[in-house]
Amino acid sequence: MKGHLKESCGIVGVYGSVHAAARLHAGLFSLQHRGQEGAGIVVSDGRQVRHLRGLGLVSEVFPEGALEGLRGHLGIGHVRYSTTGRPRLQNVQPIVVECSDGIWAIAHNGNLLNALSLRRMYQEAGAIFQTTTDSEVLVHLLADPMYRNRPRRVARALAELKGAFAFVIMTRDCVMAARDPLGFKPLSIGQLEDGYLFASETCALAQVGAEYVRDVEPGELVVADQNGLRSSRFAEEVGSLAQCVFEHVYFARPDSRVFGHNVHAVRVRLGERLAREQPAAGDVVIPVPDSGNSAALGYARASSIPLDYGFIRNHYVGRTFIMPEAARRAISVDRKLAVVSDVVRGRRVVVVDDSVIRGTTARRRVSTLRDAGAKEVHLRVSCPPAMHPCFFGIDFPTHAELIAANKSVEEIRAYIGADSLGYLSLEGLLSAFDDLGRDYCTACFTGRYPCDVGRMRGKDAMEPGELLAGEDTGQAELTMPPPADNGRAQE
């Protein structure tokens, strides 16, 4: 998987809103934490499809006045987080293509396990790919006469996909939403006064003014068009789901409701359990903002150690975990957090973080606390050690990059320079959910994958330096005009 792009992004779709682009724009702003490398919006007025996408944050891709040309009552949007490779305009979604029966656009959150085999099959048949993302295989399935000329075309195409996915799909006159049968990725439905909205997280519904209706069910295809909302299944129901537990640990925003649970409440419970499992003799509890805030609150409550803010976050630096290159992550760690010396000087500090993946970030933070005068630094982590790669869209690509796969807890403690290190147990993690986590994927902690990933470790895994056909050379797609200096492209 080293050379194959995985996506764990934010998607949004709107139908029936006079100002669809404005609704999509607001939704993408609220999902910016899910991806900061690129953003895009596609809209339709029923006759013409218009789109704008580019590299950078939502505010950079869509400066003031940019939405004026995006007229339409339906559309989809995407914020992108890739886990390997440099940013490329070609890979910014939504992907827009024209088939024999009209224009289609898709936006994807997840990772398709059989993308490479499908891609090779279509390339051998003469198909041309414009991107290096796994998402593009869906448009080739949709355009394939095998599906195009048969009933339930979209459902049949979705049924061919394996792995983790949440899609929003649009044509000139409708918007569709779908989740994979195991339900890895979240996707919610909201009711607008004049239509419907789909979004990766419920925080986007609230931002846009939509009322939460329900989640898109695993294996379900929902269509919003002039006849309202209708639903069908493209896959049979499975016995148990594989919802990504890392959505609650790190990815989702605290005010979102994901997989039926409020994210903030779950993280508070994780922190409370962590305090019971991994107590520390400390004078103050400080969170690593922002994803550690709720767990630190829970830890402080359960331990009766005062909570304070020893780190102050620079909100003009993005989320370091979702930056693809190690060098960028390291630089951003130094810029992102500043230590409040008066909070930590001469004190035994208990630091609560959501996770330790590579260890380099934790090491830098412990060092800055010591430089600021902390007497002791005790690191507590609100999830178990991540010891196994994720093949479903989270940036745990190889064993070699996971510190817990190569070092014991004591060795990790010594590496990061903490006085003590404690992780939450798997049982403790799952105790935060009503069903004790029966429907959650915990493969990154246990190595027990909910579906076959053998090919991802073998012949279908991309090797370093291997190029997918269509690997870009830094230019915009052939179907697009050359990008402006700000890395944006519009049609």
Foldseek 3Di string as FASTA:
>chain_A
DQPAKFWAWKKKKWAQAQLRVVLQLLLLVLRQQRAFQKKKKWAAALPDIWMKMFTGHSCLRQPPPNSPVRGHRIIMMIHTFIQHDDDFLLPHDQDWDAAPVAIKTKDKHKFWLCLLVLLVVVVVVPDADADRHSVVSLVVQLRDCVLVVDPPSSLQSLLVTDFWIWMWMDGNFKIKIATAQQAAFWKWWFADPRTIMIIRWCSSCVSSVTHTDGTQHHQKMWMQGPVGIDIDGSDDHDPFHAHALVCLLDRPDQCTQTPNRRSLLLLLLLLLLLCVVPPDPWQEEEEDPDSRVSSSNSVCVNRVHHYDHQKDFDVVQHDLQSDNDPVSSLVSLVVTIDGPLVVAAPIAYEYEYSAQFQLPSLLVVVVNSVVSHHPFYEYEHSAAQQQQADNIRGNNHHNVRGVVVPDPLVVSCVVSVHPYYYYRDLQSSQVSDPVSQRRHRPCRRVVDGPDDSVVCVDDSPDDPPDDDRNPDPNFYGPVWDTDDPSGMTID
